[in-house]
Amino acid sequence: MTQDHCFQRICLDVACGGIWYDHIGGRPAYCHASDDILGRAVALARDILNGHADLMALNRQSLVWRGKI
């Protein structure tokens, strides 16, 4: 994964518990998401950075929600 938007997709999908645009009413997501969703996404990003969350597993879950795998 080398694209920033993929990292953002993963963090937002997991923070929302599904496809982020089903839960956030506009784009860009960071302008329209609730403080709660943004807080969860940032906390998750920190967990990934610190090695406390598995980015590849989270990506797979995001892709499952999206019907890609």
PDB file of N, CA and C in Angstrom:
ATOM      1  N   MET A   1       0.836  -1.163   0.000  1.00  0.00           N
ATOM      2  CA  MET A   1       0.000   0.000   0.000  1.00  0.00           C
ATOM      3  C   MET A   1       0.888   1.235   0.000  1.00  0.00           C
ATOM      4  N   THR A   2       0.831   1.988  -1.048  1.00  0.00           N
ATOM      5  CA  THR A   2       1.681   3.167  -1.142  1.00  0.00           C
ATOM      6  C   THR A   2       0.883   4.438  -1.309  1.00  0.00           C
ATOM      7  N   GLN A   3      -0.412   4.338  -1.385  1.00  0.00           N
ATOM      8  CA  GLN A   3      -1.228   5.516  -1.644  1.00  0.00           C
ATOM      9  C   GLN A   3      -1.892   6.000  -0.361  1.00  0.00           C
ATOM     10  N   ASP A   4      -1.743   7.293  -0.100  1.00  0.00           N
ATOM     11  CA  ASP A   4      -2.294   7.876   1.118  1.00  0.00           C
ATOM     12  C   ASP A   4      -3.798   7.657   1.234  1.00  0.00           C
ATOM     13  N   HIS A   5      -4.509   7.740   0.110  1.00  0.00           N
ATOM     14  CA  HIS A   5      -5.962   7.587   0.194  1.00  0.00           C
ATOM     15  C   HIS A   5      -6.349   6.186   0.652  1.00  0.00           C
ATOM     16  N   CYS A   6      -5.519   5.184   0.384  1.00  0.00           N
ATOM     17  CA  CYS A   6      -5.811   3.828   0.863  1.00  0.00           C
ATOM     18  C   CYS A   6      -5.700   3.768   2.376  1.00  0.00           C
ATOM     19  N   PHE A   7      -4.692   4.410   2.939  1.00  0.00           N
ATOM     20  CA  PHE A   7      -4.536   4.443   4.390  1.00  0.00           C
ATOM     21  C   PHE A   7      -5.733   5.153   5.023  1.00  0.00           C
ATOM     22  N   GLN A   8      -6.116   6.252   4.441  1.00  0.00           N
ATOM     23  CA  GLN A   8      -7.279   6.994   4.940  1.00  0.00           C
ATOM     24  C   GLN A   8      -8.541   6.143   4.837  1.00  0.00           C
ATOM     25  N   ARG A   9      -8.726   5.445   3.720  1.00  0.00           N
ATOM     26  CA  ARG A   9      -9.893   4.564   3.543  1.00  0.00           C
ATOM     27  C   ARG A   9      -9.947   3.529   4.648  1.00  0.00           C
ATOM     28  N   ILE A  10      -8.826   2.902   4.920  1.00  0.00           N
ATOM     29  CA  ILE A  10      -8.779   1.850   5.934  1.00  0.00           C
ATOM     30  C   ILE A  10      -9.154   2.416   7.296  1.00  0.00           C
ATOM     31  N   CYS A  11      -8.506   3.512   7.678  1.00  0.00           N
ATOM     32  CA  CYS A  11      -8.770   4.100   8.997  1.00  0.00           C
ATOM     33  C   CYS A  11     -10.219   4.549   9.126  1.00  0.00           C
ATOM     34  N   LEU A  12     -10.749   5.170   8.096  1.00  0.00           N
ATOM     35  CA  LEU A  12     -12.135   5.630   8.155  1.00  0.00           C
ATOM     36  C   LEU A  12     -13.114   4.474   8.141  1.00  0.00           C
ATOM     37  N   ASP A  13     -12.878   3.473   7.294  1.00  0.00           N
ATOM     38  CA  ASP A  13     -13.777   2.312   7.268  1.00  0.00           C
ATOM     39  C   ASP A  13     -13.830   1.637   8.634  1.00  0.00           C
ATOM     40  N   VAL A  14     -12.674   1.412   9.236  1.00  0.00           N
ATOM     41  CA  VAL A  14     -12.645   0.739  10.535  1.00  0.00           C
ATOM     42  C   VAL A  14     -13.298   1.616  11.601  1.00  0.00           C
ATOM     43  N   ALA A  15     -13.025   2.908  11.565  1.00  0.00           N
ATOM     44  CA  ALA A  15     -13.642   3.830  12.539  1.00  0.00           C
ATOM     45  C   ALA A  15     -15.163   3.835  12.418  1.00  0.00           C
ATOM     46  N   CYS A  16     -15.653   3.641  11.201  1.00  0.00           N
ATOM     47  CA  CYS A  16     -17.104   3.633  10.960  1.00  0.00           C
ATOM     48  C   CYS A  16     -17.727   2.251  11.117  1.00  0.00           C
ATOM     49  N   GLY A  17     -16.907   1.207  11.106  1.00  0.00           N
ATOM     50  CA  GLY A  17     -17.430  -0.153  11.176  1.00  0.00           C
ATOM     51  C   GLY A  17     -18.045  -0.601   9.867  1.00  0.00           C
ATOM     52  N   GLY A  18     -17.589  -0.022   8.775  1.00  0.00           N
ATOM     53  CA  GLY A  18     -18.086  -0.343   7.441  1.00  0.00           C
ATOM     54  C   GLY A  18     -17.597   0.709   6.461  1.00  0.00           C
ATOM     55  N   ILE A  19     -18.140   0.695   5.292  1.00  0.00           N
ATOM     56  CA  ILE A  19     -17.712   1.627   4.247  1.00  0.00           C
ATOM     57  C   ILE A  19     -17.977   3.053   4.719  1.00  0.00           C
ATOM     58  N   TRP A  20     -16.941   3.862   4.793  1.00  0.00           N
ATOM     59  CA  TRP A  20     -17.057   5.183   5.427  1.00  0.00           C
ATOM     60  C   TRP A  20     -18.111   6.065   4.785  1.00  0.00           C
ATOM     61  N   TYR A  21     -18.250   6.004   3.463  1.00  0.00           N
ATOM     62  CA  TYR A  21     -19.204   6.917   2.834  1.00  0.00           C
ATOM     63  C   TYR A  21     -20.656   6.502   3.048  1.00  0.00           C
ATOM     64  N   ASP A  22     -20.883   5.340   3.659  1.00  0.00           N
ATOM     65  CA  ASP A  22     -22.229   4.976   4.106  1.00  0.00           C
ATOM     66  C   ASP A  22     -22.547   5.631   5.458  1.00  0.00           C
ATOM     67  N   HIS A  23     -21.535   6.190   6.107  1.00  0.00           N
ATOM     68  CA  HIS A  23     -21.688   6.756   7.452  1.00  0.00           C
ATOM     69  C   HIS A  23     -21.368   8.243   7.527  1.00  0.00           C
ATOM     70  N   ILE A  24     -20.705   8.758   6.514  1.00  0.00           N
ATOM     71  CA  ILE A  24     -20.293  10.164   6.505  1.00  0.00           C
ATOM     72  C   ILE A  24     -20.965  10.836   5.315  1.00  0.00           C
ATOM     73  N   GLY A  25     -21.622  11.950   5.569  1.00  0.00           N
ATOM     74  CA  GLY A  25     -22.488  12.566   4.573  1.00  0.00           C
ATOM     75  C   GLY A  25     -21.861  13.485   3.556  1.00  0.00           C
ATOM     76  N   GLY A  26     -20.592  13.437   3.334  1.00  0.00           N
ATOM     77  CA  GLY A  26     -20.001  14.301   2.325  1.00  0.00           C
ATOM     78  C   GLY A  26     -18.525  14.023   2.133  1.00  0.00           C
ATOM     79  N   ARG A  27     -18.001  14.652   1.126  1.00  0.00           N
ATOM     80  CA  ARG A  27     -16.577  14.524   0.816  1.00  0.00           C
ATOM     81  C   ARG A  27     -15.960  15.900   0.747  1.00  0.00           C
ATOM     82  N   PRO A  28     -14.742  16.046   1.168  1.00  0.00           N
ATOM     83  CA  PRO A  28     -13.872  15.023   1.743  1.00  0.00           C
ATOM     84  C   PRO A  28     -14.343  14.610   3.138  1.00  0.00           C
ATOM     85  N   ALA A  29     -14.073  13.359   3.447  1.00  0.00           N
ATOM     86  CA  ALA A  29     -14.575  12.778   4.691  1.00  0.00           C
ATOM     87  C   ALA A  29     -14.113  13.556   5.914  1.00  0.00           C
ATOM     88  N   TYR A  30     -12.886  14.009   5.918  1.00  0.00           N
ATOM     89  CA  TYR A  30     -12.370  14.675   7.116  1.00  0.00           C
ATOM     90  C   TYR A  30     -13.076  16.000   7.399  1.00  0.00           C
ATOM     91  N   CYS A  31     -13.763  16.550   6.432  1.00  0.00           N
ATOM     92  CA  CYS A  31     -14.530  17.780   6.647  1.00  0.00           C
ATOM     93  C   CYS A  31     -15.956  17.507   7.109  1.00  0.00           C
ATOM     94  N   HIS A  32     -16.442  16.299   6.898  1.00  0.00           N
ATOM     95  CA  HIS A  32     -17.842  15.988   7.171  1.00  0.00           C
ATOM     96  C   HIS A  32     -18.050  14.939   8.267  1.00  0.00           C
ATOM     97  N   ALA A  33     -16.992  14.266   8.660  1.00  0.00           N
ATOM     98  CA  ALA A  33     -17.118  13.227   9.686  1.00  0.00           C
ATOM     99  C   ALA A  33     -17.312  13.855  11.056  1.00  0.00           C
ATOM    100  N   SER A  34     -17.971  13.110  11.916  1.00  0.00           N
ATOM    101  CA  SER A  34     -18.149  13.566  13.298  1.00  0.00           C
ATOM    102  C   SER A  34     -16.806  13.533  14.027  1.00  0.00           C
ATOM    103  N   ASP A  35     -16.741  14.280  15.110  1.00  0.00           N
ATOM    104  CA  ASP A  35     -15.528  14.259  15.931  1.00  0.00           C
ATOM    105  C   ASP A  35     -15.254  12.854  16.457  1.00  0.00           C
ATOM    106  N   ASP A  36     -16.314  12.108  16.757  1.00  0.00           N
ATOM    107  CA  ASP A  36     -16.158  10.742  17.253  1.00  0.00           C
ATOM    108  C   ASP A  36     -15.491   9.844  16.213  1.00  0.00           C
ATOM    109  N   ILE A  37     -15.972   9.888  14.989  1.00  0.00           N
ATOM    110  CA  ILE A  37     -15.388   9.073  13.924  1.00  0.00           C
ATOM    111  C   ILE A  37     -13.943   9.489  13.676  1.00  0.00           C
ATOM    112  N   LEU A  38     -13.700  10.785  13.600  1.00  0.00           N
ATOM    113  CA  LEU A  38     -12.327  11.254  13.372  1.00  0.00           C
ATOM    114  C   LEU A  38     -11.410  10.843  14.514  1.00  0.00           C
ATOM    115  N   GLY A  39     -11.905  10.916  15.731  1.00  0.00           N
ATOM    116  CA  GLY A  39     -11.105  10.499  16.878  1.00  0.00           C
ATOM    117  C   GLY A  39     -10.729   9.031  16.808  1.00  0.00           C
ATOM    118  N   ARG A  40     -11.705   8.192  16.429  1.00  0.00           N
ATOM    119  CA  ARG A  40     -11.415   6.751  16.293  1.00  0.00           C
ATOM    120  C   ARG A  40     -10.428   6.498  15.165  1.00  0.00           C
ATOM    121  N   ALA A  41     -10.565   7.211  14.044  1.00  0.00           N
ATOM    122  CA  ALA A  41      -9.658   7.033  12.909  1.00  0.00           C
ATOM    123  C   ALA A  41      -8.231   7.451  13.272  1.00  0.00           C
ATOM    124  N   VAL A  42      -8.096   8.559  13.967  1.00  0.00           N
ATOM    125  CA  VAL A  42      -6.765   9.024  14.380  1.00  0.00           C
ATOM    126  C   VAL A  42      -6.149   8.061  15.395  1.00  0.00           C
ATOM    127  N   ALA A  43      -6.947   7.596  16.345  1.00  0.00           N
ATOM    128  CA  ALA A  43      -6.441   6.632  17.327  1.00  0.00           C
ATOM    129  C   ALA A  43      -5.980   5.354  16.630  1.00  0.00           C
ATOM    130  N   LEU A  44      -6.738   4.901  15.649  1.00  0.00           N
ATOM    131  CA  LEU A  44      -6.346   3.715  14.895  1.00  0.00           C
ATOM    132  C   LEU A  44      -5.050   3.961  14.134  1.00  0.00           C
ATOM    133  N   ALA A  45      -4.936   5.115  13.497  1.00  0.00           N
ATOM    134  CA  ALA A  45      -3.710   5.438  12.766  1.00  0.00           C
ATOM    135  C   ALA A  45      -2.507   5.412  13.705  1.00  0.00           C
ATOM    136  N   ARG A  46      -2.680   5.925  14.920  1.00  0.00           N
ATOM    137  CA  ARG A  46      -1.594   5.887  15.905  1.00  0.00           C
ATOM    138  C   ARG A  46      -1.268   4.452  16.300  1.00  0.00           C
ATOM    139  N   ASP A  47      -2.296   3.631  16.476  1.00  0.00           N
ATOM    140  CA  ASP A  47      -2.065   2.219  16.803  1.00  0.00           C
ATOM    141  C   ASP A  47      -1.296   1.523  15.689  1.00  0.00           C
ATOM    142  N   ILE A  48      -1.625   1.814  14.449  1.00  0.00           N
ATOM    143  CA  ILE A  48      -0.902   1.237  13.315  1.00  0.00           C
ATOM    144  C   ILE A  48       0.551   1.685  13.355  1.00  0.00           C
ATOM    145  N   LEU A  49       0.763   2.973  13.535  1.00  0.00           N
ATOM    146  CA  LEU A  49       2.107   3.539  13.590  1.00  0.00           C
ATOM    147  C   LEU A  49       2.940   2.894  14.690  1.00  0.00           C
ATOM    148  N   ASN A  50       2.313   2.653  15.830  1.00  0.00           N
ATOM    149  CA  ASN A  50       3.034   2.096  16.977  1.00  0.00           C
ATOM    150  C   ASN A  50       3.097   0.577  16.977  1.00  0.00           C
ATOM    151  N   GLY A  51       2.580  -0.056  15.917  1.00  0.00           N
ATOM    152  CA  GLY A  51       2.651  -1.509  15.805  1.00  0.00           C
ATOM    153  C   GLY A  51       1.620  -2.248  16.634  1.00  0.00           C
ATOM    154  N   HIS A  52       0.564  -1.547  17.069  1.00  0.00           N
ATOM    155  CA  HIS A  52      -0.470  -2.180  17.888  1.00  0.00           C
ATOM    156  C   HIS A  52      -1.688  -2.612  17.075  1.00  0.00           C
ATOM    157  N   ALA A  53      -1.675  -2.349  15.787  1.00  0.00           N
ATOM    158  CA  ALA A  53      -2.764  -2.766  14.905  1.00  0.00           C
ATOM    159  C   ALA A  53      -2.139  -3.244  13.591  1.00  0.00           C
ATOM    160  N   ASP A  54      -2.717  -4.255  13.016  1.00  0.00           N
ATOM    161  CA  ASP A  54      -2.205  -4.885  11.801  1.00  0.00           C
ATOM    162  C   ASP A  54      -2.837  -4.226  10.572  1.00  0.00           C
ATOM    163  N   LEU A  55      -2.070  -3.388   9.905  1.00  0.00           N
ATOM    164  CA  LEU A  55      -2.573  -2.647   8.751  1.00  0.00           C
ATOM    165  C   LEU A  55      -3.075  -3.579   7.656  1.00  0.00           C
ATOM    166  N   MET A  56      -2.373  -4.650   7.392  1.00  0.00           N
ATOM    167  CA  MET A  56      -2.791  -5.555   6.318  1.00  0.00           C
ATOM    168  C   MET A  56      -4.117  -6.245   6.658  1.00  0.00           C
ATOM    169  N   ALA A  57      -4.299  -6.636   7.911  1.00  0.00           N
ATOM    170  CA  ALA A  57      -5.564  -7.253   8.321  1.00  0.00           C
ATOM    171  C   ALA A  57      -6.701  -6.235   8.236  1.00  0.00           C
ATOM    172  N   LEU A  58      -6.428  -5.010   8.649  1.00  0.00           N
ATOM    173  CA  LEU A  58      -7.449  -3.967   8.567  1.00  0.00           C
ATOM    174  C   LEU A  58      -7.798  -3.658   7.114  1.00  0.00           C
ATOM    175  N   ASN A  59      -6.809  -3.677   6.236  1.00  0.00           N
ATOM    176  CA  ASN A  59      -7.068  -3.459   4.814  1.00  0.00           C
ATOM    177  C   ASN A  59      -7.951  -4.574   4.257  1.00  0.00           C
ATOM    178  N   ARG A  60      -7.649  -5.804   4.619  1.00  0.00           N
ATOM    179  CA  ARG A  60      -8.482  -6.928   4.158  1.00  0.00           C
ATOM    180  C   ARG A  60      -9.933  -6.746   4.606  1.00  0.00           C
ATOM    181  N   GLN A  61     -10.133  -6.348   5.865  1.00  0.00           N
ATOM    182  CA  GLN A  61     -11.498  -6.146   6.359  1.00  0.00           C
ATOM    183  C   GLN A  61     -12.193  -5.037   5.578  1.00  0.00           C
ATOM    184  N   SER A  62     -11.485  -3.955   5.323  1.00  0.00           N
ATOM    185  CA  SER A  62     -12.051  -2.854   4.541  1.00  0.00           C
ATOM    186  C   SER A  62     -12.468  -3.341   3.154  1.00  0.00           C
ATOM    187  N   LEU A  63     -11.623  -4.142   2.535  1.00  0.00           N
ATOM    188  CA  LEU A  63     -11.931  -4.650   1.199  1.00  0.00           C
ATOM    189  C   LEU A  63     -13.088  -5.643   1.220  1.00  0.00           C
ATOM    190  N   VAL A  64     -13.211  -6.418   2.309  1.00  0.00           N
ATOM    191  CA  VAL A  64     -14.359  -7.333   2.460  1.00  0.00           C
ATOM    192  C   VAL A  64     -15.645  -6.509   2.527  1.00  0.00           C
ATOM    193  N   TRP A  65     -15.657  -5.462   3.358  1.00  0.00           N
ATOM    194  CA  TRP A  65     -16.844  -4.609   3.452  1.00  0.00           C
ATOM    195  C   TRP A  65     -17.222  -4.045   2.082  1.00  0.00           C
ATOM    196  N   ARG A  66     -16.223  -3.797   1.255  1.00  0.00           N
ATOM    197  CA  ARG A  66     -16.455  -3.198  -0.048  1.00  0.00           C
ATOM    198  C   ARG A  66     -16.728  -4.232  -1.149  1.00  0.00           C
ATOM    199  N   GLY A  67     -16.711  -5.523  -0.789  1.00  0.00           N
ATOM    200  CA  GLY A  67     -16.979  -6.569  -1.766  1.00  0.00           C
ATOM    201  C   GLY A  67     -15.847  -6.803  -2.744  1.00  0.00           C
ATOM    202  N   LYS A  68     -14.647  -6.381  -2.376  1.00  0.00           N
ATOM    203  CA  LYS A  68     -13.483  -6.541  -3.258  1.00  0.00           C
ATOM    204  C   LYS A  68     -12.806  -7.889  -3.066  1.00  0.00           C
ATOM    205  N   ILE A  69     -13.004  -8.490  -1.889  1.00  0.00           N
ATOM    206  CA  ILE A  69     -12.491  -9.841  -1.643  1.00  0.00           C
ATOM    207  C   ILE A  69     -13.497 -10.593  -0.803  1.00  0.00           C
TER     208      ILE A  69
END
